Structures are given as structure tokens and as C-alpha cells.
C-alpha atoms as a PDB file:
ATOM      1  CA  MET A   1       2.784 -10.323  11.051  1.00  0.00           C
ATOM      2  CA  SER A   2       3.464 -13.979  11.277  1.00  0.00           C
ATOM      3  CA  ASN A   3       6.296 -15.901   9.697  1.00  0.00           C
ATOM      4  CA  ASP A   4       3.608 -18.000   8.006  1.00  0.00           C
ATOM      5  CA  ALA A   5       2.276 -14.891   6.235  1.00  0.00           C
ATOM      6  CA  ARG A   6       5.795 -13.891   5.229  1.00  0.00           C
ATOM      7  CA  GLU A   7       6.548 -17.323   3.801  1.00  0.00           C
ATOM      8  CA  LEU A   8       3.230 -17.395   1.945  1.00  0.00           C
ATOM      9  CA  VAL A   9       3.955 -13.990   0.393  1.00  0.00           C
ATOM     10  CA  LYS A  10       7.399 -15.225  -0.627  1.00  0.00           C
ATOM     11  CA  ASP A  11       5.874 -18.347  -2.205  1.00  0.00           C
ATOM     12  CA  ILE A  12       3.325 -16.231  -4.090  1.00  0.00           C
ATOM     13  CA  LEU A  13       6.026 -13.907  -5.406  1.00  0.00           C
ATOM     14  CA  ILE A  14       8.232 -16.825  -6.495  1.00  0.00           C
ATOM     15  CA  GLU A  15       5.393 -17.891  -8.822  1.00  0.00           C
ATOM     16  CA  HIS A  16       5.362 -14.505 -10.581  1.00  0.00           C
ATOM     17  CA  HIS A  17       8.439 -14.204 -12.773  1.00  0.00           C
ATOM     18  CA  GLY A  18       8.583 -11.483 -15.384  1.00  0.00           C
ATOM     19  CA  ALA A  19       6.889  -8.153 -15.963  1.00  0.00           C
ATOM     20  CA  ASP A  20       4.160  -9.913 -17.949  1.00  0.00           C
ATOM     21  CA  ASN A  21       3.181 -12.000 -14.907  1.00  0.00           C
ATOM     22  CA  PRO A  22       2.707  -9.584 -11.977  1.00  0.00           C
ATOM     23  CA  VAL A  23       0.672 -10.167  -8.833  1.00  0.00           C
ATOM     24  CA  SER A  24      -1.061  -7.241  -7.152  1.00  0.00           C
ATOM     25  CA  ALA A  25      -0.892  -6.388  -3.462  1.00  0.00           C
ATOM     26  CA  ARG A  26      -4.659  -6.945  -3.396  1.00  0.00           C
ATOM     27  CA  GLU A  27      -4.273 -10.485  -4.751  1.00  0.00           C
ATOM     28  CA  ILE A  28      -1.566 -11.250  -2.207  1.00  0.00           C
ATOM     29  CA  ASN A  29      -3.611  -9.808   0.639  1.00  0.00           C
ATOM     30  CA  GLU A  30      -6.601 -11.933  -0.369  1.00  0.00           C
ATOM     31  CA  GLN A  31      -4.446 -14.948   0.517  1.00  0.00           C
ATOM     32  CA  ILE A  32      -2.785 -13.651   3.701  1.00  0.00           C
ATOM     33  CA  ASN A  33      -5.495 -11.288   5.006  1.00  0.00           C
ATOM     34  CA  GLU A  34      -3.048  -8.926   6.757  1.00  0.00           C
ATOM     35  CA  ASP A  35      -4.698  -5.645   5.717  1.00  0.00           C
ATOM     36  CA  ASP A  36      -8.080  -4.027   6.146  1.00  0.00           C
ATOM     37  CA  VAL A  37      -6.861  -0.861   4.431  1.00  0.00           C
ATOM     38  CA  GLY A  38      -7.294  -0.655   0.653  1.00  0.00           C
ATOM     39  CA  SER A  39      -3.701   0.426   0.005  1.00  0.00           C
ATOM     40  CA  PHE A  40      -2.420  -2.773   1.714  1.00  0.00           C
ATOM     41  CA  PRO A  41       0.436  -1.197   3.726  1.00  0.00           C
ATOM     42  CA  ASN A  42       1.232  -4.352   5.724  1.00  0.00           C
ATOM     43  CA  THR A  43       1.323  -6.477   2.590  1.00  0.00           C
ATOM     44  CA  ARG A  44       3.586  -3.963   0.852  1.00  0.00           C
ATOM     45  CA  MET A  45       5.866  -3.868   3.898  1.00  0.00           C
ATOM     46  CA  LEU A  46       6.165  -7.673   3.833  1.00  0.00           C
ATOM     47  CA  ILE A  47       7.092  -7.567   0.144  1.00  0.00           C
ATOM     48  CA  ARG A  48       9.711  -4.882   0.804  1.00  0.00           C
ATOM     49  CA  ASP A  49      11.165  -6.855   3.725  1.00  0.00           C
ATOM     50  CA  ILE A  50      11.377 -10.014   1.616  1.00  0.00           C
ATOM     51  CA  MET A  51      13.215  -8.130  -1.124  1.00  0.00           C
ATOM     52  CA  LEU A  52      15.688  -6.579   1.310  1.00  0.00           C
ATOM     53  CA  GLU A  53      16.266  -9.507   3.665  1.00  0.00           C
ATOM     54  CA  ASP A  54      16.121 -12.413   1.210  1.00  0.00           C
ATOM     55  CA  GLN A  55      17.743 -10.488  -1.652  1.00  0.00           C
ATOM     56  CA  ILE A  56      15.075 -11.473  -4.147  1.00  0.00           C
ATOM     57  CA  PRO A  57      14.967  -9.137  -7.191  1.00  0.00           C
ATOM     58  CA  ILE A  58      11.337  -8.051  -6.786  1.00  0.00           C
ATOM     59  CA  ALA A  59      10.231  -5.241  -9.066  1.00  0.00           C
ATOM     60  CA  SER A  60       6.855  -3.585  -9.380  1.00  0.00           C
ATOM     61  CA  SER A  61       4.693  -1.782 -11.869  1.00  0.00           C
ATOM     62  CA  ASN A  62       1.209  -0.335 -11.823  1.00  0.00           C
ATOM     63  CA  LYS A  63      -0.004  -3.912 -12.392  1.00  0.00           C
ATOM     64  CA  GLY A  64       1.757  -5.501  -9.419  1.00  0.00           C
ATOM     65  CA  TYR A  65       4.908  -7.200  -8.211  1.00  0.00           C
ATOM     66  CA  TYR A  66       7.096  -9.662 -10.069  1.00  0.00           C
ATOM     67  CA  ILE A  67      10.523 -11.220  -9.915  1.00  0.00           C
ATOM     68  CA  VAL A  68      12.870  -9.758 -12.501  1.00  0.00           C
ATOM     69  CA  GLU A  69      13.413 -12.273 -15.272  1.00  0.00           C
ATOM     70  CA  THR A  70      15.642 -10.416 -17.736  1.00  0.00           C
ATOM     71  CA  GLU A  71      18.302  -7.762 -17.668  1.00  0.00           C
ATOM     72  CA  ALA A  72      15.980  -5.547 -19.743  1.00  0.00           C
ATOM     73  CA  GLU A  73      13.305  -5.784 -17.020  1.00  0.00           C
ATOM     74  CA  LEU A  74      15.914  -4.857 -14.435  1.00  0.00           C
ATOM     75  CA  GLN A  75      16.985  -1.847 -16.511  1.00  0.00           C
ATOM     76  CA  ASP A  76      13.373  -0.731 -16.987  1.00  0.00           C
ATOM     77  CA  TYR A  77      12.719  -0.958 -13.252  1.00  0.00           C
ATOM     78  CA  LEU A  78      15.925   0.884 -12.349  1.00  0.00           C
ATOM     79  CA  ASP A  79      14.985   3.624 -14.845  1.00  0.00           C
ATOM     80  CA  GLN A  80      11.540   3.860 -13.244  1.00  0.00           C
ATOM     81  CA  LEU A  81      13.076   4.198  -9.763  1.00  0.00           C
ATOM     82  CA  GLU A  82      15.548   6.818 -10.976  1.00  0.00           C
ATOM     83  CA  SER A  83      12.709   8.840 -12.492  1.00  0.00           C
ATOM     84  CA  ARG A  84      10.783   8.721  -9.208  1.00  0.00           C
ATOM     85  CA  ILE A  85      13.877   9.777  -7.256  1.00  0.00           C
ATOM     86  CA  LEU A  86      14.413  12.707  -9.630  1.00  0.00           C
ATOM     87  CA  GLY A  87      10.775  13.766  -9.271  1.00  0.00           C
ATOM     88  CA  MET A  88      11.016  13.696  -5.472  1.00  0.00           C
ATOM     89  CA  SER A  89      14.253  15.698  -5.544  1.00  0.00           C
ATOM     90  CA  GLU A  90      12.653  18.316  -7.788  1.00  0.00           C
ATOM     91  CA  ARG A  91       9.699  18.642  -5.393  1.00  0.00           C
ATOM     92  CA  LYS A  92      12.041  18.845  -2.397  1.00  0.00           C
ATOM     93  CA  PHE A  93      14.033  21.719  -3.867  1.00  0.00           C
ATOM     94  CA  ALA A  94      10.886  23.442  -5.145  1.00  0.00           C
ATOM     95  CA  ILE A  95       9.288  23.512  -1.699  1.00  0.00           C
ATOM     96  CA  GLN A  96      12.534  24.705  -0.123  1.00  0.00           C
ATOM     97  CA  ARG A  97      12.720  27.592  -2.618  1.00  0.00           C
ATOM     98  CA  ALA A  98       9.048  28.421  -2.146  1.00  0.00           C
ATOM     99  CA  ALA A  99       9.339  28.309   1.650  1.00  0.00           C
ATOM    100  CA  ASN A 100      12.263  30.734   1.500  1.00  0.00           C
ATOM    101  CA  GLU A 101      10.094  33.104  -0.546  1.00  0.00           C
ATOM    102  CA  TRP A 102       7.324  32.768   2.057  1.00  0.00           C
ATOM    103  CA  LYS A 103       9.543  32.713   5.158  1.00  0.00           C
ATOM    104  CA  ALA A 104       7.898  35.852   6.574  1.00  0.00           C
ATOM    105  CA  GLU A 105       4.612  33.903   6.600  1.00  0.00           C
ATOM    106  CA  ILE A 106       6.007  30.682   8.097  1.00  0.00           C
ATOM    107  CA  GLU A 107       6.354  30.275  11.855  1.00  0.00           C
ATOM    108  CA  THR A 108       9.929  29.390  12.747  1.00  0.00           C
ATOM    109  CA  ASP A 109      11.194  26.873  15.278  1.00  0.00           C
ATOM    110  CA  GLU A 110      14.316  27.635  17.290  1.00  0.00           C
ATOM    111  CA  ASP A 111      15.360  23.963  17.078  1.00  0.00           C
ATOM    112  CA  LEU A 112      15.304  24.030  13.272  1.00  0.00           C
ATOM    113  CA  ASP A 113      17.318  26.000  10.753  1.00  0.00           C
ATOM    114  CA  LEU A 114      15.438  25.522   7.497  1.00  0.00           C
ATOM    115  CA  LEU A 115      14.613  29.123   6.599  1.00  0.00           C
END
């Protein structure tokens, strides 16, 4: 991906402050044309890189990406992330427990020690 695309994505995001003014990955991709895939993985990766490298407080919702405008928006987004982390942890432990119950049915690997 070009630096031009990265800078354009950054400029687009800078125009979208607040949870009430999100921009979708689709809308961004329509301007940078980096993805042929409907889930826009390259566009999402650019957004993530911009947040991490440029330290811009980019949050997201089911409506799109936006720059956090208030402390309340930041808290809402952090709560959303925490909920997702908890859900993933629950699934991780659930599959580990289930796999232990099924270990007689699961082929083992001598390089791994999961069961």
C-alpha cells in the first residue's frame, strides 16, 4: 500500500470526529481502492496502522470509524473492547475444556502439549 493511500485514509479519518460522524471501511475504500474483498482487510489494516503509529484515538462501531471526541466516547469504546476480550477469553477456555473432554477423539502432536 502506498504512502499516498495511507495519507488519504488519515485525512478521511481526521474529518470524522465523534461517534455520531463515523466513516465506514467501504466509504474509505471507495476513495483509495485498496481492496477487492468486501470485508476491506487492507483498508482496515491501514486504519489500524494509523492508530498505532500516529497515536490517533480512532474508535469504531458497527457504523464505522471515528476519532474519539469526548471522554464518554472513549469510555464507551473501551467498554466495548473489554466486552469483546471477555467473550474471546470465554470461548478460549470453553474450547480448551471441551477438547480435554474429547481428547481421546483428537489426534495429538508430539510437538504440542495442549491435551
